[in-house]
């Protein structure tokens, strides 16, 4: 009985382990007719989720770094929440895209009045997150600045 329970538990643990890898990557088999067959695992990008970091404003460096978050959704939409230099929180919605495999870009429009539209760009890496980011008002304002490295929290 003890042997059967141990065997069943081991099989269950192995099954969970294998299934966890199967859900995050797609397996593609490539056959090279000259030499051999290779298996390539193409993992889906993990950019979707909640990203948190800080930003700065080029025209007002004395206010320091301020809170910034992006909620990146799989359907190409995004929401952001920022804390302004005045201590208030500001919200915007928009769309995002990933060019190549590492250039994140978004366009967002604020909910506040006056309505401000901004562009956001950053380098994306599965291991490093969003880095070297910039933002700029394209209508309704004249501000621009940098996004410090953002980490995915969910």
C-alpha atoms as a PDB file:
ATOM      1  CA  UNK A   1       0.000   0.000   0.000  1.00  0.00           C
ATOM      2  CA  UNK A   2       2.814   2.432   0.910  1.00  0.00           C
ATOM      3  CA  UNK A   3       4.577   1.628  -2.383  1.00  0.00           C
ATOM      4  CA  UNK A   4       1.393   2.292  -4.389  1.00  0.00           C
ATOM      5  CA  UNK A   5       0.797   5.635  -2.617  1.00  0.00           C
ATOM      6  CA  UNK A   6       4.412   6.732  -3.230  1.00  0.00           C
ATOM      7  CA  UNK A   7       4.202   5.670  -6.877  1.00  0.00           C
ATOM      8  CA  UNK A   8       0.907   7.510  -7.395  1.00  0.00           C
ATOM      9  CA  UNK A   9       2.234  10.674  -5.716  1.00  0.00           C
ATOM     10  CA  UNK A  10       5.376  10.636  -7.842  1.00  0.00           C
ATOM     11  CA  UNK A  11       3.368  10.180 -11.037  1.00  0.00           C
ATOM     12  CA  UNK A  12       1.043  13.050 -10.064  1.00  0.00           C
ATOM     13  CA  UNK A  13       3.978  15.403  -9.345  1.00  0.00           C
ATOM     14  CA  UNK A  14       5.640  14.501 -12.655  1.00  0.00           C
ATOM     15  CA  UNK A  15       2.385  15.116 -14.535  1.00  0.00           C
ATOM     16  CA  UNK A  16       1.963  18.590 -12.992  1.00  0.00           C
ATOM     17  CA  UNK A  17       5.596  19.428 -13.791  1.00  0.00           C
ATOM     18  CA  UNK A  18       5.250  18.399 -17.459  1.00  0.00           C
ATOM     19  CA  UNK A  19       1.903  20.169 -17.925  1.00  0.00           C
ATOM     20  CA  UNK A  20       3.279  23.427 -16.538  1.00  0.00           C
ATOM     21  CA  UNK A  21       5.870  23.525 -19.307  1.00  0.00           C
ATOM     22  CA  UNK A  22       3.400  22.495 -21.989  1.00  0.00           C
ATOM     23  CA  UNK A  23       1.124  25.473 -21.321  1.00  0.00           C
ATOM     24  CA  UNK A  24       3.821  28.130 -21.642  1.00  0.00           C
ATOM     25  CA  UNK A  25       5.624  27.103 -24.823  1.00  0.00           C
ATOM     26  CA  UNK A  26       4.745  25.842 -28.272  1.00  0.00           C
ATOM     27  CA  UNK A  27       6.789  22.964 -29.643  1.00  0.00           C
ATOM     28  CA  UNK A  28       7.836  23.123 -33.275  1.00  0.00           C
ATOM     29  CA  UNK A  29       9.805  20.396 -35.007  1.00  0.00           C
ATOM     30  CA  UNK A  30      12.115  21.438 -37.818  1.00  0.00           C
ATOM     31  CA  UNK A  31      13.575  18.788 -40.105  1.00  0.00           C
ATOM     32  CA  UNK A  32      16.830  19.477 -41.866  1.00  0.00           C
ATOM     33  CA  UNK A  33      17.034  16.904 -44.664  1.00  0.00           C
ATOM     34  CA  UNK A  34      20.820  17.000 -44.707  1.00  0.00           C
ATOM     35  CA  UNK A  35      21.720  16.332 -41.083  1.00  0.00           C
ATOM     36  CA  UNK A  36      19.108  15.880 -38.348  1.00  0.00           C
ATOM     37  CA  UNK A  37      15.802  16.875 -36.772  1.00  0.00           C
ATOM     38  CA  UNK A  38      15.779  19.652 -34.193  1.00  0.00           C
ATOM     39  CA  UNK A  39      13.031  20.615 -31.775  1.00  0.00           C
ATOM     40  CA  UNK A  40      12.584  24.330 -31.121  1.00  0.00           C
ATOM     41  CA  UNK A  41      10.500  25.673 -28.258  1.00  0.00           C
ATOM     42  CA  UNK A  42       8.952  29.028 -29.059  1.00  0.00           C
ATOM     43  CA  UNK A  43       7.753  30.519 -25.787  1.00  0.00           C
ATOM     44  CA  UNK A  44       4.990  33.071 -25.994  1.00  0.00           C
ATOM     45  CA  UNK A  45       5.870  36.576 -24.939  1.00  0.00           C
ATOM     46  CA  UNK A  46       5.096  37.423 -21.339  1.00  0.00           C
ATOM     47  CA  UNK A  47       4.609  41.162 -21.835  1.00  0.00           C
ATOM     48  CA  UNK A  48       0.936  40.927 -20.930  1.00  0.00           C
ATOM     49  CA  UNK A  49       0.301  41.808 -17.283  1.00  0.00           C
ATOM     50  CA  UNK A  50       0.811  44.553 -14.719  1.00  0.00           C
ATOM     51  CA  UNK A  51       4.051  46.545 -14.979  1.00  0.00           C
ATOM     52  CA  UNK A  52       5.179  48.969 -12.277  1.00  0.00           C
ATOM     53  CA  UNK A  53       7.997  51.487 -12.283  1.00  0.00           C
ATOM     54  CA  UNK A  54       8.761  55.180 -12.144  1.00  0.00           C
ATOM     55  CA  UNK A  55       8.974  58.039 -14.612  1.00  0.00           C
ATOM     56  CA  UNK A  56      10.570  61.445 -14.845  1.00  0.00           C
ATOM     57  CA  UNK A  57       9.582  64.665 -16.602  1.00  0.00           C
ATOM     58  CA  UNK A  58      12.292  66.324 -18.696  1.00  0.00           C
ATOM     59  CA  UNK A  59      10.997  69.868 -18.077  1.00  0.00           C
ATOM     60  CA  UNK A  60      10.826  69.394 -14.287  1.00  0.00           C
ATOM     61  CA  UNK A  61      13.692  67.196 -13.060  1.00  0.00           C
ATOM     62  CA  UNK A  62      13.456  68.599  -9.526  1.00  0.00           C
ATOM     63  CA  UNK A  63      10.237  66.667  -8.854  1.00  0.00           C
ATOM     64  CA  UNK A  64      12.196  63.414  -9.050  1.00  0.00           C
ATOM     65  CA  UNK A  65      10.828  60.008  -9.944  1.00  0.00           C
ATOM     66  CA  UNK A  66       7.079  59.435  -9.826  1.00  0.00           C
ATOM     67  CA  UNK A  67       4.934  56.268  -9.734  1.00  0.00           C
ATOM     68  CA  UNK A  68       3.905  54.722 -13.075  1.00  0.00           C
ATOM     69  CA  UNK A  69       2.024  51.518 -13.911  1.00  0.00           C
ATOM     70  CA  UNK A  70       0.826  49.832 -17.093  1.00  0.00           C
ATOM     71  CA  UNK A  71      -1.822  47.123 -17.333  1.00  0.00           C
ATOM     72  CA  UNK A  72      -1.069  45.405 -20.630  1.00  0.00           C
ATOM     73  CA  UNK A  73      -3.913  43.218 -21.942  1.00  0.00           C
ATOM     74  CA  UNK A  74      -3.717  40.384 -24.506  1.00  0.00           C
ATOM     75  CA  UNK A  75      -6.252  42.067 -26.820  1.00  0.00           C
ATOM     76  CA  UNK A  76      -3.847  44.956 -27.543  1.00  0.00           C
ATOM     77  CA  UNK A  77      -5.420  47.380 -25.078  1.00  0.00           C
ATOM     78  CA  UNK A  78      -3.773  48.972 -22.080  1.00  0.00           C
ATOM     79  CA  UNK A  79      -4.564  51.126 -19.067  1.00  0.00           C
ATOM     80  CA  UNK A  80      -2.132  53.249 -17.111  1.00  0.00           C
ATOM     81  CA  UNK A  81      -2.068  54.953 -13.751  1.00  0.00           C
ATOM     82  CA  UNK A  82       0.495  57.604 -12.827  1.00  0.00           C
ATOM     83  CA  UNK A  83       1.109  59.912  -9.923  1.00  0.00           C
ATOM     84  CA  UNK A  84       1.657  63.486 -11.027  1.00  0.00           C
ATOM     85  CA  UNK A  85       4.063  65.968  -9.519  1.00  0.00           C
ATOM     86  CA  UNK A  86       1.011  67.612  -7.909  1.00  0.00           C
ATOM     87  CA  UNK A  87       0.331  64.437  -5.875  1.00  0.00           C
ATOM     88  CA  UNK A  88      -2.792  63.467  -7.862  1.00  0.00           C
ATOM     89  CA  UNK A  89      -3.221  60.196  -9.742  1.00  0.00           C
ATOM     90  CA  UNK A  90      -3.918  60.273 -13.484  1.00  0.00           C
ATOM     91  CA  UNK A  91      -5.371  57.543 -15.677  1.00  0.00           C
ATOM     92  CA  UNK A  92      -5.301  56.811 -19.399  1.00  0.00           C
ATOM     93  CA  UNK A  93      -6.290  54.084 -21.836  1.00  0.00           C
ATOM     94  CA  UNK A  94      -4.918  53.111 -25.199  1.00  0.00           C
ATOM     95  CA  UNK A  95      -3.403  50.426 -27.381  1.00  0.00           C
ATOM     96  CA  UNK A  96      -0.012  48.726 -27.501  1.00  0.00           C
ATOM     97  CA  UNK A  97       2.092  46.708 -29.950  1.00  0.00           C
ATOM     98  CA  UNK A  98       5.327  44.755 -29.882  1.00  0.00           C
ATOM     99  CA  UNK A  99       7.530  45.308 -32.958  1.00  0.00           C
ATOM    100  CA  UNK A 100       9.945  42.572 -33.819  1.00  0.00           C
ATOM    101  CA  UNK A 101      10.364  40.815 -30.528  1.00  0.00           C
ATOM    102  CA  UNK A 102      11.629  43.644 -28.378  1.00  0.00           C
ATOM    103  CA  UNK A 103      10.205  47.119 -29.110  1.00  0.00           C
ATOM    104  CA  UNK A 104       7.123  47.970 -27.050  1.00  0.00           C
ATOM    105  CA  UNK A 105       5.086  50.965 -28.185  1.00  0.00           C
ATOM    106  CA  UNK A 106       1.772  52.394 -27.053  1.00  0.00           C
ATOM    107  CA  UNK A 107      -0.497  55.360 -27.599  1.00  0.00           C
ATOM    108  CA  UNK A 108      -2.715  56.427 -24.694  1.00  0.00           C
ATOM    109  CA  UNK A 109      -5.336  59.108 -24.082  1.00  0.00           C
ATOM    110  CA  UNK A 110      -6.000  60.493 -20.615  1.00  0.00           C
ATOM    111  CA  UNK A 111      -9.351  60.525 -18.842  1.00  0.00           C
ATOM    112  CA  UNK A 112      -8.640  63.933 -17.264  1.00  0.00           C
ATOM    113  CA  UNK A 113      -9.372  67.351 -18.650  1.00  0.00           C
ATOM    114  CA  UNK A 114      -7.555  68.642 -20.568  1.00  0.00           C
ATOM    115  CA  UNK A 115      -7.352  65.432 -22.580  1.00  0.00           C
ATOM    116  CA  UNK A 116      -3.734  64.524 -23.318  1.00  0.00           C
ATOM    117  CA  UNK A 117      -2.552  61.907 -25.806  1.00  0.00           C
ATOM    118  CA  UNK A 118       0.892  60.381 -25.295  1.00  0.00           C
ATOM    119  CA  UNK A 119       3.205  57.897 -26.950  1.00  0.00           C
ATOM    120  CA  UNK A 120       5.237  55.390 -24.965  1.00  0.00           C
ATOM    121  CA  UNK A 121       8.184  53.351 -26.245  1.00  0.00           C
ATOM    122  CA  UNK A 122      10.505  50.941 -24.442  1.00  0.00           C
ATOM    123  CA  UNK A 123      12.749  47.966 -25.041  1.00  0.00           C
ATOM    124  CA  UNK A 124      11.216  44.668 -23.946  1.00  0.00           C
ATOM    125  CA  UNK A 125      13.052  41.601 -22.668  1.00  0.00           C
ATOM    126  CA  UNK A 126      11.613  38.511 -20.954  1.00  0.00           C
ATOM    127  CA  UNK A 127      14.469  38.666 -18.464  1.00  0.00           C
ATOM    128  CA  UNK A 128      14.978  42.442 -18.019  1.00  0.00           C
ATOM    129  CA  UNK A 129      11.415  43.762 -18.389  1.00  0.00           C
ATOM    130  CA  UNK A 130      10.718  47.141 -19.968  1.00  0.00           C
ATOM    131  CA  UNK A 131      13.861  49.280 -20.156  1.00  0.00           C
ATOM    132  CA  UNK A 132      15.089  52.489 -21.823  1.00  0.00           C
ATOM    133  CA  UNK A 133      11.536  53.807 -22.021  1.00  0.00           C
ATOM    134  CA  UNK A 134      10.400  57.242 -23.090  1.00  0.00           C
ATOM    135  CA  UNK A 135       7.061  59.011 -23.158  1.00  0.00           C
ATOM    136  CA  UNK A 136       5.903  62.192 -24.870  1.00  0.00           C
ATOM    137  CA  UNK A 137       2.730  64.222 -25.189  1.00  0.00           C
ATOM    138  CA  UNK A 138       1.581  64.308 -28.809  1.00  0.00           C
ATOM    139  CA  UNK A 139      -1.533  66.413 -28.232  1.00  0.00           C
ATOM    140  CA  UNK A 140      -2.950  68.428 -25.362  1.00  0.00           C
ATOM    141  CA  UNK A 141       0.431  68.963 -23.709  1.00  0.00           C
ATOM    142  CA  UNK A 142       4.137  69.549 -24.261  1.00  0.00           C
ATOM    143  CA  UNK A 143       5.764  67.255 -21.700  1.00  0.00           C
ATOM    144  CA  UNK A 144       8.093  64.333 -22.271  1.00  0.00           C
ATOM    145  CA  UNK A 145      10.338  62.180 -20.160  1.00  0.00           C
ATOM    146  CA  UNK A 146      11.821  58.820 -19.357  1.00  0.00           C
ATOM    147  CA  UNK A 147      10.440  55.617 -17.913  1.00  0.00           C
ATOM    148  CA  UNK A 148      12.815  53.947 -15.504  1.00  0.00           C
ATOM    149  CA  UNK A 149      13.033  50.160 -15.747  1.00  0.00           C
ATOM    150  CA  UNK A 150       9.606  48.658 -15.176  1.00  0.00           C
ATOM    151  CA  UNK A 151       9.084  45.222 -13.642  1.00  0.00           C
ATOM    152  CA  UNK A 152       6.207  42.887 -14.212  1.00  0.00           C
ATOM    153  CA  UNK A 153       4.332  42.291 -10.985  1.00  0.00           C
ATOM    154  CA  UNK A 154       1.576  40.062 -12.327  1.00  0.00           C
END
